[in-house]
C-alpha atoms as a PDB file:
ATOM      1  CA  MET A   1       0.000   0.000   0.000  1.00  0.00           C
ATOM      2  CA  SER A   2       1.388   3.407  -0.983  1.00  0.00           C
ATOM      3  CA  ILE A   3       1.828   6.316   1.435  1.00  0.00           C
ATOM      4  CA  ALA A   4      -1.073   8.123  -0.238  1.00  0.00           C
ATOM      5  CA  GLU A   5      -3.297   5.075   0.161  1.00  0.00           C
ATOM      6  CA  LYS A   6      -2.307   4.713   3.808  1.00  0.00           C
ATOM      7  CA  SER A   7      -3.059   8.383   4.390  1.00  0.00           C
ATOM      8  CA  THR A   8      -6.492   8.081   2.757  1.00  0.00           C
ATOM      9  CA  ARG A   9      -7.344   5.032   4.828  1.00  0.00           C
ATOM     10  CA  LYS A  10      -6.200   6.728   8.033  1.00  0.00           C
ATOM     11  CA  CYS A  11      -8.072   9.970   7.396  1.00  0.00           C
ATOM     12  CA  ILE A  12     -11.302   8.567   5.945  1.00  0.00           C
ATOM     13  CA  PRO A  13     -12.033   5.195   7.566  1.00  0.00           C
ATOM     14  CA  LEU A  14     -14.945   3.090   6.401  1.00  0.00           C
ATOM     15  CA  GLU A  15     -15.036  -0.406   7.831  1.00  0.00           C
ATOM     16  CA  SER A  16     -17.583  -3.110   8.470  1.00  0.00           C
ATOM     17  CA  GLY A  17     -19.145  -2.659  11.873  1.00  0.00           C
ATOM     18  CA  ASP A  18     -18.890   1.137  11.923  1.00  0.00           C
ATOM     19  CA  ARG A  19     -22.060   2.783  13.233  1.00  0.00           C
ATOM     20  CA  LEU A  20     -22.760   5.927  11.240  1.00  0.00           C
ATOM     21  CA  THR A  21     -25.508   8.292  10.253  1.00  0.00           C
ATOM     22  CA  ARG A  22     -26.509   8.085   6.615  1.00  0.00           C
ATOM     23  CA  ALA A  23     -24.937  11.471   5.889  1.00  0.00           C
ATOM     24  CA  GLU A  24     -21.623  10.448   7.448  1.00  0.00           C
ATOM     25  CA  PHE A  25     -21.720   7.104   5.670  1.00  0.00           C
ATOM     26  CA  GLU A  26     -22.165   8.849   2.314  1.00  0.00           C
ATOM     27  CA  ARG A  27     -19.348  11.302   3.092  1.00  0.00           C
ATOM     28  CA  ARG A  28     -16.900   8.545   3.919  1.00  0.00           C
ATOM     29  CA  TYR A  29     -17.988   6.275   1.080  1.00  0.00           C
ATOM     30  CA  SER A  30     -17.624   9.095  -1.453  1.00  0.00           C
ATOM     31  CA  ALA A  31     -14.098   9.719  -0.180  1.00  0.00           C
ATOM     32  CA  ARG A  32     -13.099   6.076  -0.686  1.00  0.00           C
ATOM     33  CA  PRO A  33     -13.085   5.259  -4.424  1.00  0.00           C
ATOM     34  CA  ASP A  34     -11.055   2.160  -3.565  1.00  0.00           C
ATOM     35  CA  ILE A  35     -14.166   0.637  -1.959  1.00  0.00           C
ATOM     36  CA  LYS A  36     -16.525  -0.675  -4.627  1.00  0.00           C
ATOM     37  CA  LYS A  37     -19.455  -1.764  -2.466  1.00  0.00           C
ATOM     38  CA  ALA A  38     -20.538  -0.655   0.988  1.00  0.00           C
ATOM     39  CA  GLU A  39     -23.970  -0.531   2.565  1.00  0.00           C
ATOM     40  CA  LEU A  40     -25.542   0.991   5.648  1.00  0.00           C
ATOM     41  CA  ILE A  41     -27.993  -1.461   7.187  1.00  0.00           C
ATOM     42  CA  GLU A  42     -29.755  -0.439  10.397  1.00  0.00           C
ATOM     43  CA  GLY A  43     -27.028   2.151  10.955  1.00  0.00           C
ATOM     44  CA  VAL A  44     -24.210  -0.401  10.634  1.00  0.00           C
ATOM     45  CA  VAL A  45     -21.669  -0.382   7.795  1.00  0.00           C
ATOM     46  CA  TYR A  46     -21.079  -3.503   5.688  1.00  0.00           C
ATOM     47  CA  VAL A  47     -18.102  -3.370   3.336  1.00  0.00           C
ATOM     48  CA  ALA A  48     -18.136  -6.151   0.738  1.00  0.00           C
ATOM     49  CA  SER A  49     -15.239  -8.554   0.300  1.00  0.00           C
ATOM     50  CA  PRO A  50     -13.596  -9.161  -3.096  1.00  0.00           C
ATOM     51  CA  VAL A  51     -16.027 -10.916  -5.433  1.00  0.00           C
ATOM     52  CA  HIS A  52     -15.471 -14.482  -6.641  1.00  0.00           C
ATOM     53  CA  PHE A  53     -16.409 -15.400 -10.193  1.00  0.00           C
ATOM     54  CA  GLU A  54     -18.536 -18.556  -9.878  1.00  0.00           C
ATOM     55  CA  GLU A  55     -19.868 -17.663  -6.424  1.00  0.00           C
ATOM     56  CA  HIS A  56     -21.099 -14.221  -7.400  1.00  0.00           C
ATOM     57  CA  ALA A  57     -19.973 -12.509 -10.599  1.00  0.00           C
ATOM     58  CA  GLU A  58     -21.350 -15.050 -13.067  1.00  0.00           C
ATOM     59  CA  PRO A  59     -24.675 -15.622 -11.242  1.00  0.00           C
ATOM     60  CA  HIS A  60     -25.028 -11.847 -10.994  1.00  0.00           C
ATOM     61  CA  GLY A  61     -24.585 -11.627 -14.758  1.00  0.00           C
ATOM     62  CA  PHE A  62     -27.370 -14.193 -15.250  1.00  0.00           C
ATOM     63  CA  ILE A  63     -29.740 -12.128 -13.111  1.00  0.00           C
ATOM     64  CA  MET A  64     -28.956  -8.918 -14.971  1.00  0.00           C
ATOM     65  CA  HIS A  65     -29.524 -10.604 -18.345  1.00  0.00           C
ATOM     66  CA  TRP A  66     -32.880 -11.938 -17.080  1.00  0.00           C
ATOM     67  CA  LEU A  67     -34.036  -8.517 -15.855  1.00  0.00           C
ATOM     68  CA  TRP A  68     -32.803  -6.663 -18.933  1.00  0.00           C
ATOM     69  CA  THR A  69     -34.615  -9.086 -21.200  1.00  0.00           C
ATOM     70  CA  TYR A  70     -37.835  -8.065 -19.465  1.00  0.00           C
ATOM     71  CA  ARG A  71     -36.874  -4.385 -19.516  1.00  0.00           C
ATOM     72  CA  LEU A  72     -36.342  -4.448 -23.292  1.00  0.00           C
ATOM     73  CA  ARG A  73     -39.797  -5.938 -23.835  1.00  0.00           C
ATOM     74  CA  HIS A  74     -41.770  -3.717 -21.463  1.00  0.00           C
ATOM     75  CA  ALA A  75     -41.905   0.063 -21.382  1.00  0.00           C
ATOM     76  CA  GLY A  76     -42.075   2.024 -18.156  1.00  0.00           C
ATOM     77  CA  VAL A  77     -39.660  -0.008 -16.055  1.00  0.00           C
ATOM     78  CA  ARG A  78     -36.075   0.702 -14.973  1.00  0.00           C
ATOM     79  CA  VAL A  79     -33.352  -1.762 -14.022  1.00  0.00           C
ATOM     80  CA  GLY A  80     -30.395  -1.090 -11.743  1.00  0.00           C
ATOM     81  CA  ASP A  81     -27.124  -2.908 -11.103  1.00  0.00           C
ATOM     82  CA  ASN A  82     -25.418  -2.244  -7.756  1.00  0.00           C
ATOM     83  CA  GLY A  83     -26.904   1.228  -7.472  1.00  0.00           C
ATOM     84  CA  THR A  84     -27.148   3.069  -4.173  1.00  0.00           C
ATOM     85  CA  VAL A  85     -30.705   3.181  -2.828  1.00  0.00           C
ATOM     86  CA  ARG A  86     -31.629   5.427   0.098  1.00  0.00           C
ATOM     87  CA  LEU A  87     -34.341   3.547   1.947  1.00  0.00           C
ATOM     88  CA  ASP A  88     -34.655   5.487   5.197  1.00  0.00           C
ATOM     89  CA  ARG A  89     -32.518   7.448   7.658  1.00  0.00           C
ATOM     90  CA  ASP A  90     -30.581   4.367   8.821  1.00  0.00           C
ATOM     91  CA  ASN A  91     -30.463   2.305   5.650  1.00  0.00           C
ATOM     92  CA  GLU A  92     -28.684   2.873   2.381  1.00  0.00           C
ATOM     93  CA  ALA A  93     -28.457  -0.366   0.411  1.00  0.00           C
ATOM     94  CA  GLN A  94     -26.605  -1.273  -2.761  1.00  0.00           C
ATOM     95  CA  PRO A  95     -28.603  -4.240  -4.093  1.00  0.00           C
ATOM     96  CA  ASP A  96     -27.049  -6.599  -6.607  1.00  0.00           C
ATOM     97  CA  ALA A  97     -30.003  -5.911  -8.904  1.00  0.00           C
ATOM     98  CA  PHE A  98     -33.350  -4.165  -8.731  1.00  0.00           C
ATOM     99  CA  MET A  99     -36.257  -3.079 -10.900  1.00  0.00           C
ATOM    100  CA  PHE A 100     -38.970  -0.494 -10.430  1.00  0.00           C
ATOM    101  CA  LYS A 101     -41.831   1.122 -12.300  1.00  0.00           C
ATOM    102  CA  GLU A 102     -41.367   4.653 -13.551  1.00  0.00           C
ATOM    103  CA  GLY A 103     -43.559   7.160 -11.761  1.00  0.00           C
ATOM    104  CA  GLY A 104     -43.859   4.875  -8.747  1.00  0.00           C
ATOM    105  CA  ARG A 105     -42.344   5.052  -5.297  1.00  0.00           C
ATOM    106  CA  VAL A 106     -38.707   5.427  -6.373  1.00  0.00           C
ATOM    107  CA  ALA A 107     -37.364   8.903  -7.102  1.00  0.00           C
ATOM    108  CA  GLN A 108     -34.073   9.937  -8.659  1.00  0.00           C
ATOM    109  CA  THR A 109     -32.407  12.571  -6.488  1.00  0.00           C
ATOM    110  CA  SER A 110     -30.582  15.682  -7.651  1.00  0.00           C
ATOM    111  CA  ASP A 111     -27.252  13.963  -6.879  1.00  0.00           C
ATOM    112  CA  ASP A 112     -28.250  10.937  -9.009  1.00  0.00           C
ATOM    113  CA  TYR A 113     -29.043   8.422  -6.299  1.00  0.00           C
ATOM    114  CA  LEU A 114     -32.338   6.629  -5.809  1.00  0.00           C
ATOM    115  CA  GLU A 115     -34.652   7.219  -2.895  1.00  0.00           C
ATOM    116  CA  GLY A 116     -37.478   4.871  -1.977  1.00  0.00           C
ATOM    117  CA  ALA A 117     -38.136   1.153  -2.213  1.00  0.00           C
ATOM    118  CA  PRO A 118     -37.736  -0.588  -5.599  1.00  0.00           C
ATOM    119  CA  ASP A 119     -40.575  -2.925  -6.528  1.00  0.00           C
ATOM    120  CA  LEU A 120     -38.208  -5.881  -6.945  1.00  0.00           C
ATOM    121  CA  VAL A 121     -34.796  -6.498  -5.368  1.00  0.00           C
ATOM    122  CA  VAL A 122     -32.479  -9.408  -6.175  1.00  0.00           C
ATOM    123  CA  GLU A 123     -29.466 -10.410  -4.102  1.00  0.00           C
ATOM    124  CA  VAL A 124     -26.894 -13.102  -4.889  1.00  0.00           C
ATOM    125  CA  ALA A 125     -25.869 -14.583  -1.544  1.00  0.00           C
ATOM    126  CA  ALA A 126     -23.152 -17.081  -0.741  1.00  0.00           C
ATOM    127  CA  SER A 127     -25.385 -18.830   1.790  1.00  0.00           C
ATOM    128  CA  SER A 128     -28.379 -18.456   4.089  1.00  0.00           C
ATOM    129  CA  ALA A 129     -25.989 -17.120   6.732  1.00  0.00           C
ATOM    130  CA  SER A 130     -25.632 -13.931   4.702  1.00  0.00           C
ATOM    131  CA  HIS A 131     -27.205 -10.742   6.017  1.00  0.00           C
ATOM    132  CA  ASP A 132     -29.196 -10.721   2.746  1.00  0.00           C
ATOM    133  CA  LEU A 133     -31.551 -13.179   4.475  1.00  0.00           C
ATOM    134  CA  ASN A 134     -31.393 -11.544   7.867  1.00  0.00           C
ATOM    135  CA  ALA A 135     -30.959  -7.856   8.686  1.00  0.00           C
ATOM    136  CA  LYS A 136     -31.183  -6.670   5.088  1.00  0.00           C
ATOM    137  CA  MET A 137     -34.312  -8.711   4.444  1.00  0.00           C
ATOM    138  CA  HIS A 138     -36.055  -7.067   7.399  1.00  0.00           C
ATOM    139  CA  VAL A 139     -35.058  -3.630   6.112  1.00  0.00           C
ATOM    140  CA  TYR A 140     -36.456  -4.354   2.652  1.00  0.00           C
ATOM    141  CA  ARG A 141     -39.687  -5.663   4.154  1.00  0.00           C
ATOM    142  CA  ARG A 142     -40.123  -2.693   6.458  1.00  0.00           C
ATOM    143  CA  ASN A 143     -39.519  -0.226   3.634  1.00  0.00           C
ATOM    144  CA  GLY A 144     -42.029  -1.910   1.357  1.00  0.00           C
ATOM    145  CA  VAL A 145     -39.952  -3.746  -1.270  1.00  0.00           C
ATOM    146  CA  ARG A 146     -42.786  -5.724  -2.820  1.00  0.00           C
ATOM    147  CA  GLU A 147     -40.818  -8.697  -4.118  1.00  0.00           C
ATOM    148  CA  TYR A 148     -37.455  -9.945  -2.909  1.00  0.00           C
ATOM    149  CA  LEU A 149     -35.425 -12.695  -4.550  1.00  0.00           C
ATOM    150  CA  VAL A 150     -32.340 -14.290  -2.989  1.00  0.00           C
ATOM    151  CA  TRP A 151     -30.184 -16.749  -4.921  1.00  0.00           C
ATOM    152  CA  GLN A 152     -28.231 -18.820  -2.394  1.00  0.00           C
ATOM    153  CA  ILE A 153     -25.223 -20.139  -4.279  1.00  0.00           C
ATOM    154  CA  TYR A 154     -23.883 -22.657  -1.748  1.00  0.00           C
ATOM    155  CA  GLU A 155     -27.306 -24.145  -1.067  1.00  0.00           C
ATOM    156  CA  GLY A 156     -28.235 -24.187  -4.745  1.00  0.00           C
ATOM    157  CA  ARG A 157     -31.633 -22.604  -4.170  1.00  0.00           C
ATOM    158  CA  VAL A 158     -33.652 -19.534  -5.024  1.00  0.00           C
ATOM    159  CA  ASP A 159     -36.012 -17.942  -2.500  1.00  0.00           C
ATOM    160  CA  TRP A 160     -38.668 -15.545  -3.817  1.00  0.00           C
ATOM    161  CA  PHE A 161     -40.554 -13.531  -1.213  1.00  0.00           C
ATOM    162  CA  ARG A 162     -43.680 -11.474  -1.790  1.00  0.00           C
ATOM    163  CA  LEU A 163     -44.898  -8.744   0.562  1.00  0.00           C
ATOM    164  CA  SER A 164     -48.369  -9.542   1.881  1.00  0.00           C
ATOM    165  CA  ALA A 165     -51.115  -7.046   2.698  1.00  0.00           C
ATOM    166  CA  GLU A 166     -50.129  -7.478   6.355  1.00  0.00           C
ATOM    167  CA  GLY A 167     -46.572  -6.347   5.600  1.00  0.00           C
ATOM    168  CA  VAL A 168     -45.014  -9.803   5.939  1.00  0.00           C
ATOM    169  CA  TYR A 169     -42.755 -11.556   3.449  1.00  0.00           C
ATOM    170  CA  GLU A 170     -44.281 -14.804   2.264  1.00  0.00           C
ATOM    171  CA  ALA A 171     -42.242 -17.380   0.340  1.00  0.00           C
ATOM    172  CA  VAL A 172     -43.509 -18.048  -3.189  1.00  0.00           C
ATOM    173  CA  ALA A 173     -43.166 -21.625  -4.407  1.00  0.00           C
ATOM    174  CA  PRO A 174     -42.526 -22.423  -8.082  1.00  0.00           C
ATOM    175  CA  GLY A 175     -45.325 -24.018 -10.081  1.00  0.00           C
ATOM    176  CA  ALA A 176     -45.233 -27.601 -11.282  1.00  0.00           C
ATOM    177  CA  ASP A 177     -43.052 -26.439 -14.176  1.00  0.00           C
ATOM    178  CA  GLY A 178     -40.531 -24.888 -11.785  1.00  0.00           C
ATOM    179  CA  VAL A 179     -41.456 -21.339 -12.813  1.00  0.00           C
ATOM    180  CA  ILE A 180     -42.291 -18.361 -10.596  1.00  0.00           C
ATOM    181  CA  GLU A 181     -43.989 -15.290 -12.065  1.00  0.00           C
ATOM    182  CA  SER A 182     -43.847 -11.826 -10.567  1.00  0.00           C
ATOM    183  CA  GLU A 183     -47.100 -10.201  -9.460  1.00  0.00           C
ATOM    184  CA  VAL A 184     -45.643  -6.727  -9.809  1.00  0.00           C
ATOM    185  CA  PHE A 185     -44.208  -7.297 -13.300  1.00  0.00           C
ATOM    186  CA  PRO A 186     -46.533  -9.576 -15.290  1.00  0.00           C
ATOM    187  CA  GLY A 187     -44.523 -11.735 -17.658  1.00  0.00           C
ATOM    188  CA  LEU A 188     -41.374 -11.649 -15.524  1.00  0.00           C
ATOM    189  CA  ARG A 189     -41.102 -15.399 -15.136  1.00  0.00           C
ATOM    190  CA  LEU A 190     -38.144 -17.222 -13.627  1.00  0.00           C
ATOM    191  CA  ASP A 191     -37.434 -20.831 -14.560  1.00  0.00           C
ATOM    192  CA  VAL A 192     -35.776 -21.775 -11.276  1.00  0.00           C
ATOM    193  CA  PRO A 193     -34.403 -25.210 -12.307  1.00  0.00           C
ATOM    194  CA  ALA A 194     -32.922 -23.682 -15.465  1.00  0.00           C
ATOM    195  CA  LEU A 195     -31.273 -20.915 -13.469  1.00  0.00           C
ATOM    196  CA  LEU A 196     -29.757 -23.366 -10.987  1.00  0.00           C
ATOM    197  CA  ARG A 197     -28.297 -25.552 -13.724  1.00  0.00           C
ATOM    198  CA  GLY A 198     -26.893 -22.533 -15.544  1.00  0.00           C
ATOM    199  CA  ASP A 199     -29.134 -22.752 -18.601  1.00  0.00           C
ATOM    200  CA  LEU A 200     -29.411 -19.068 -19.412  1.00  0.00           C
ATOM    201  CA  ALA A 201     -31.164 -19.688 -22.738  1.00  0.00           C
ATOM    202  CA  ALA A 202     -34.017 -21.466 -20.946  1.00  0.00           C
ATOM    203  CA  VAL A 203     -34.175 -18.714 -18.328  1.00  0.00           C
ATOM    204  CA  ILE A 204     -34.558 -16.072 -21.032  1.00  0.00           C
ATOM    205  CA  ALA A 205     -37.081 -18.165 -22.954  1.00  0.00           C
ATOM    206  CA  ALA A 206     -39.440 -18.122 -19.963  1.00  0.00           C
ATOM    207  CA  VAL A 207     -39.618 -14.314 -19.884  1.00  0.00           C
ATOM    208  CA  GLY A 208     -42.791 -12.874 -21.372  1.00  0.00           C
END
């Protein structure tokens, strides 16, 4: 590490476990271009580790291709990849992928961030031990993310949750054909078995 890098790290720390206000989190994150992904969840900082290819990067690419296929076929929706989303005063997430309807609950701020809950959030998680299925899931539920999908790589499973009228996430089971369809985005169908076996062509073919 160079002297300049050491100086930057010493002056502007941003580490997992730090408890910060959202404003202070943004100040420190903006001052650390060396950090590619950091989130504030319930006032606690989570700085991501380096990303493995088969455990995250490639599955993430599959998800983005799936969402963009839908986006290209349907007007009035926006898709994001690792964008910063201001959810509330204590939570600023950077989801792996998300989609929302234009003119809905998500607003683009003057400094080009997003504020509000996307309609659909997707996270690629190493395992069920990840905070994607714990603290972060509770934050998404409380802020009204209507559908939440978690792909657990180690377990080889996909969990799709839908927000009920009572404000509770309910697991959505695939149909007999292994497909789950979004309620928020009609035609956004996910062939779960195809996704898990890495058959991207079949995943895309299921999208309406």
